């Protein structure tokens, strides 16, 4: 059954890419950079081969912080209170013919948490050190976020 969901996500993503090529839309989103023990939580979706921060688009009348909380839960099963998120910056970039503005929030859970991928949209979620990420295929947002980190790779609180 999960295979059918993944196939559906891939088909929808390809159709959206065509639509984005024609329309060149603007999109707004939010993501969470969750850090624990010098490791960053990243995800891989069934329709995009790159690693990314847990996050996504904002619903109508949803604040960036609320979207970040919702997306983190939807993509990893991890729950965070909105007041635990610290705004880390706004990133603007073009990806797949969309002009995207993403707000990133940092979360530093007190204890190690085990993310759970739904195996449908998100096929993998885990913690990685920045040195591992340097060798991986990264989404534009994750790449921009990592490039903006201080020299210690985000290890300081």
C-alpha atoms as a PDB file:
ATOM      1  CA  UNK A   1       0.000   0.000   0.000  1.00  0.00           C
ATOM      2  CA  UNK A   2       2.826   2.434   0.836  1.00  0.00           C
ATOM      3  CA  UNK A   3       4.199   1.834  -2.672  1.00  0.00           C
ATOM      4  CA  UNK A   4       0.970   3.184  -4.174  1.00  0.00           C
ATOM      5  CA  UNK A   5       1.145   6.303  -2.023  1.00  0.00           C
ATOM      6  CA  UNK A   6       4.779   6.887  -3.027  1.00  0.00           C
ATOM      7  CA  UNK A   7       3.870   6.446  -6.706  1.00  0.00           C
ATOM      8  CA  UNK A   8       1.032   8.942  -6.255  1.00  0.00           C
ATOM      9  CA  UNK A   9       3.359  11.481  -4.647  1.00  0.00           C
ATOM     10  CA  UNK A  10       5.877  11.081  -7.487  1.00  0.00           C
ATOM     11  CA  UNK A  11       3.172  11.521 -10.140  1.00  0.00           C
ATOM     12  CA  UNK A  12       1.711  14.577  -8.404  1.00  0.00           C
ATOM     13  CA  UNK A  13       5.187  16.074  -8.049  1.00  0.00           C
ATOM     14  CA  UNK A  14       5.879  15.664 -11.783  1.00  0.00           C
ATOM     15  CA  UNK A  15       2.545  17.264 -12.651  1.00  0.00           C
ATOM     16  CA  UNK A  16       3.272  20.151 -10.273  1.00  0.00           C
ATOM     17  CA  UNK A  17       6.683  20.654 -11.878  1.00  0.00           C
ATOM     18  CA  UNK A  18       4.965  21.167 -15.230  1.00  0.00           C
ATOM     19  CA  UNK A  19       2.510  23.603 -13.664  1.00  0.00           C
ATOM     20  CA  UNK A  20       5.348  25.492 -11.949  1.00  0.00           C
ATOM     21  CA  UNK A  21       7.239  25.715 -15.244  1.00  0.00           C
ATOM     22  CA  UNK A  22       4.218  27.352 -16.892  1.00  0.00           C
ATOM     23  CA  UNK A  23       3.093  29.585 -14.009  1.00  0.00           C
ATOM     24  CA  UNK A  24       6.409  30.450 -12.256  1.00  0.00           C
ATOM     25  CA  UNK A  25       4.567  30.831  -8.920  1.00  0.00           C
ATOM     26  CA  UNK A  26       5.669  32.298  -5.631  1.00  0.00           C
ATOM     27  CA  UNK A  27       5.507  30.024  -2.602  1.00  0.00           C
ATOM     28  CA  UNK A  28       5.885  30.539   1.129  1.00  0.00           C
ATOM     29  CA  UNK A  29       6.893  27.872   3.578  1.00  0.00           C
ATOM     30  CA  UNK A  30       8.362  27.065   6.942  1.00  0.00           C
ATOM     31  CA  UNK A  31      10.878  24.510   8.161  1.00  0.00           C
ATOM     32  CA  UNK A  32      12.467  23.324  11.387  1.00  0.00           C
ATOM     33  CA  UNK A  33      16.192  22.928  11.906  1.00  0.00           C
ATOM     34  CA  UNK A  34      16.165  20.531  14.852  1.00  0.00           C
ATOM     35  CA  UNK A  35      19.578  20.115  16.500  1.00  0.00           C
ATOM     36  CA  UNK A  36      20.655  17.635  19.138  1.00  0.00           C
ATOM     37  CA  UNK A  37      24.201  16.727  20.078  1.00  0.00           C
ATOM     38  CA  UNK A  38      25.654  18.559  17.075  1.00  0.00           C
ATOM     39  CA  UNK A  39      23.405  16.627  14.698  1.00  0.00           C
ATOM     40  CA  UNK A  40      20.697  18.058  12.465  1.00  0.00           C
ATOM     41  CA  UNK A  41      17.409  16.315  11.694  1.00  0.00           C
ATOM     42  CA  UNK A  42      16.919  15.858   7.945  1.00  0.00           C
ATOM     43  CA  UNK A  43      14.352  14.067   5.794  1.00  0.00           C
ATOM     44  CA  UNK A  44      14.137  12.554   2.327  1.00  0.00           C
ATOM     45  CA  UNK A  45      10.814  12.438   0.504  1.00  0.00           C
ATOM     46  CA  UNK A  46       9.557   9.797  -1.886  1.00  0.00           C
ATOM     47  CA  UNK A  47       9.393  12.286  -4.750  1.00  0.00           C
ATOM     48  CA  UNK A  48      12.639  14.262  -4.336  1.00  0.00           C
ATOM     49  CA  UNK A  49      16.058  12.628  -3.958  1.00  0.00           C
ATOM     50  CA  UNK A  50      17.623  15.459  -1.947  1.00  0.00           C
ATOM     51  CA  UNK A  51      17.882  15.739   1.816  1.00  0.00           C
ATOM     52  CA  UNK A  52      15.858  18.565   3.305  1.00  0.00           C
ATOM     53  CA  UNK A  53      14.753  20.109   6.563  1.00  0.00           C
ATOM     54  CA  UNK A  54      11.339  18.973   7.807  1.00  0.00           C
ATOM     55  CA  UNK A  55       8.993  21.597   6.449  1.00  0.00           C
ATOM     56  CA  UNK A  56       6.671  22.633   3.683  1.00  0.00           C
ATOM     57  CA  UNK A  57       4.098  25.097   2.520  1.00  0.00           C
ATOM     58  CA  UNK A  58       1.867  27.195   4.703  1.00  0.00           C
ATOM     59  CA  UNK A  59      -1.900  26.807   4.723  1.00  0.00           C
ATOM     60  CA  UNK A  60      -4.182  29.814   4.274  1.00  0.00           C
ATOM     61  CA  UNK A  61      -4.059  32.102   7.326  1.00  0.00           C
ATOM     62  CA  UNK A  62      -1.413  29.885   8.967  1.00  0.00           C
ATOM     63  CA  UNK A  63       1.567  31.587  10.577  1.00  0.00           C
ATOM     64  CA  UNK A  64       5.082  30.429   9.663  1.00  0.00           C
ATOM     65  CA  UNK A  65       5.610  29.168  13.234  1.00  0.00           C
ATOM     66  CA  UNK A  66       2.356  27.166  13.173  1.00  0.00           C
ATOM     67  CA  UNK A  67       3.279  25.722   9.766  1.00  0.00           C
ATOM     68  CA  UNK A  68       6.706  24.702  11.083  1.00  0.00           C
ATOM     69  CA  UNK A  69       5.131  22.911  14.070  1.00  0.00           C
ATOM     70  CA  UNK A  70       2.618  21.143  11.816  1.00  0.00           C
ATOM     71  CA  UNK A  71       5.154  20.121   9.165  1.00  0.00           C
ATOM     72  CA  UNK A  72       7.629  18.786  11.740  1.00  0.00           C
ATOM     73  CA  UNK A  73       4.906  16.559  13.169  1.00  0.00           C
ATOM     74  CA  UNK A  74       3.577  15.454   9.761  1.00  0.00           C
ATOM     75  CA  UNK A  75       7.035  14.565   8.429  1.00  0.00           C
ATOM     76  CA  UNK A  76       8.745  13.111  11.514  1.00  0.00           C
ATOM     77  CA  UNK A  77       6.111  12.461  14.170  1.00  0.00           C
ATOM     78  CA  UNK A  78       7.970  14.812  16.536  1.00  0.00           C
ATOM     79  CA  UNK A  79       5.975  17.354  18.496  1.00  0.00           C
ATOM     80  CA  UNK A  80       7.238  20.761  19.528  1.00  0.00           C
ATOM     81  CA  UNK A  81       5.500  23.645  21.231  1.00  0.00           C
ATOM     82  CA  UNK A  82       5.507  26.841  19.153  1.00  0.00           C
ATOM     83  CA  UNK A  83       7.305  28.734  21.926  1.00  0.00           C
ATOM     84  CA  UNK A  84      10.214  26.261  21.737  1.00  0.00           C
ATOM     85  CA  UNK A  85      11.052  27.389  18.195  1.00  0.00           C
ATOM     86  CA  UNK A  86      13.559  30.179  17.645  1.00  0.00           C
ATOM     87  CA  UNK A  87      13.438  32.020  14.341  1.00  0.00           C
ATOM     88  CA  UNK A  88      16.693  31.423  12.434  1.00  0.00           C
ATOM     89  CA  UNK A  89      16.090  33.385   9.268  1.00  0.00           C
ATOM     90  CA  UNK A  90      14.219  33.856   6.039  1.00  0.00           C
ATOM     91  CA  UNK A  91      15.611  32.260   2.900  1.00  0.00           C
ATOM     92  CA  UNK A  92      14.634  33.244  -0.637  1.00  0.00           C
ATOM     93  CA  UNK A  93      15.547  31.079  -3.592  1.00  0.00           C
ATOM     94  CA  UNK A  94      14.290  29.671  -6.873  1.00  0.00           C
ATOM     95  CA  UNK A  95      13.690  25.937  -7.121  1.00  0.00           C
ATOM     96  CA  UNK A  96      11.941  24.111  -9.937  1.00  0.00           C
ATOM     97  CA  UNK A  97      10.720  27.409 -11.414  1.00  0.00           C
ATOM     98  CA  UNK A  98       9.132  28.563  -8.129  1.00  0.00           C
ATOM     99  CA  UNK A  99      10.206  31.660  -6.218  1.00  0.00           C
ATOM    100  CA  UNK A 100      10.217  30.405  -2.646  1.00  0.00           C
ATOM    101  CA  UNK A 101      10.406  32.259   0.639  1.00  0.00           C
ATOM    102  CA  UNK A 102      10.993  29.908   3.580  1.00  0.00           C
ATOM    103  CA  UNK A 103      11.196  30.784   7.251  1.00  0.00           C
ATOM    104  CA  UNK A 104      13.451  28.479   9.261  1.00  0.00           C
ATOM    105  CA  UNK A 105      13.044  27.906  12.980  1.00  0.00           C
ATOM    106  CA  UNK A 106      15.604  26.228  15.218  1.00  0.00           C
ATOM    107  CA  UNK A 107      14.566  23.685  17.820  1.00  0.00           C
ATOM    108  CA  UNK A 108      16.948  22.088  20.295  1.00  0.00           C
ATOM    109  CA  UNK A 109      15.145  19.220  22.048  1.00  0.00           C
ATOM    110  CA  UNK A 110      16.492  18.452  25.525  1.00  0.00           C
ATOM    111  CA  UNK A 111      16.639  14.707  24.892  1.00  0.00           C
ATOM    112  CA  UNK A 112      17.400  12.636  21.804  1.00  0.00           C
ATOM    113  CA  UNK A 113      14.218  11.870  19.909  1.00  0.00           C
ATOM    114  CA  UNK A 114      13.576   9.210  17.290  1.00  0.00           C
ATOM    115  CA  UNK A 115      11.910  10.568  14.137  1.00  0.00           C
ATOM    116  CA  UNK A 116       9.422   8.333  12.364  1.00  0.00           C
ATOM    117  CA  UNK A 117       9.031   8.528   8.583  1.00  0.00           C
ATOM    118  CA  UNK A 118       5.571   7.656   7.299  1.00  0.00           C
ATOM    119  CA  UNK A 119       7.169   5.668   4.415  1.00  0.00           C
ATOM    120  CA  UNK A 120       4.731   7.377   2.054  1.00  0.00           C
ATOM    121  CA  UNK A 121       5.659  11.030   1.611  1.00  0.00           C
ATOM    122  CA  UNK A 122       8.747  10.912   3.831  1.00  0.00           C
ATOM    123  CA  UNK A 123      10.744   7.748   3.257  1.00  0.00           C
ATOM    124  CA  UNK A 124      13.632   8.514   5.600  1.00  0.00           C
ATOM    125  CA  UNK A 125      14.321  10.801   8.569  1.00  0.00           C
ATOM    126  CA  UNK A 126      17.419  10.840  10.762  1.00  0.00           C
ATOM    127  CA  UNK A 127      20.012  12.973  12.527  1.00  0.00           C
ATOM    128  CA  UNK A 128      23.245  13.814  10.686  1.00  0.00           C
ATOM    129  CA  UNK A 129      26.338  15.856  11.497  1.00  0.00           C
ATOM    130  CA  UNK A 130      27.147  18.747   9.132  1.00  0.00           C
ATOM    131  CA  UNK A 131      30.236  16.882   7.850  1.00  0.00           C
ATOM    132  CA  UNK A 132      27.995  14.050   6.604  1.00  0.00           C
ATOM    133  CA  UNK A 133      25.685  16.537   4.951  1.00  0.00           C
ATOM    134  CA  UNK A 134      28.611  18.079   3.067  1.00  0.00           C
ATOM    135  CA  UNK A 135      28.812  14.856   1.042  1.00  0.00           C
ATOM    136  CA  UNK A 136      25.072  14.554   0.359  1.00  0.00           C
ATOM    137  CA  UNK A 137      22.658  15.920  -2.217  1.00  0.00           C
ATOM    138  CA  UNK A 138      20.884  18.797  -0.462  1.00  0.00           C
ATOM    139  CA  UNK A 139      17.788  20.831  -1.199  1.00  0.00           C
ATOM    140  CA  UNK A 140      18.377  24.521  -1.921  1.00  0.00           C
ATOM    141  CA  UNK A 141      16.891  25.472   1.471  1.00  0.00           C
ATOM    142  CA  UNK A 142      19.091  23.068   3.431  1.00  0.00           C
ATOM    143  CA  UNK A 143      22.168  24.170   1.496  1.00  0.00           C
ATOM    144  CA  UNK A 144      21.439  27.874   2.170  1.00  0.00           C
ATOM    145  CA  UNK A 145      20.748  27.199   5.836  1.00  0.00           C
ATOM    146  CA  UNK A 146      24.001  25.262   6.314  1.00  0.00           C
ATOM    147  CA  UNK A 147      26.013  27.933   4.470  1.00  0.00           C
ATOM    148  CA  UNK A 148      24.647  30.552   6.889  1.00  0.00           C
ATOM    149  CA  UNK A 149      25.672  28.617  10.014  1.00  0.00           C
ATOM    150  CA  UNK A 150      28.466  29.884  12.235  1.00  0.00           C
ATOM    151  CA  UNK A 151      31.858  28.131  11.930  1.00  0.00           C
ATOM    152  CA  UNK A 152      30.998  25.650  14.701  1.00  0.00           C
ATOM    153  CA  UNK A 153      28.311  24.154  12.441  1.00  0.00           C
ATOM    154  CA  UNK A 154      25.415  25.106  14.670  1.00  0.00           C
ATOM    155  CA  UNK A 155      26.692  23.236  17.701  1.00  0.00           C
ATOM    156  CA  UNK A 156      26.415  26.186  20.068  1.00  0.00           C
ATOM    157  CA  UNK A 157      23.052  26.776  21.721  1.00  0.00           C
END
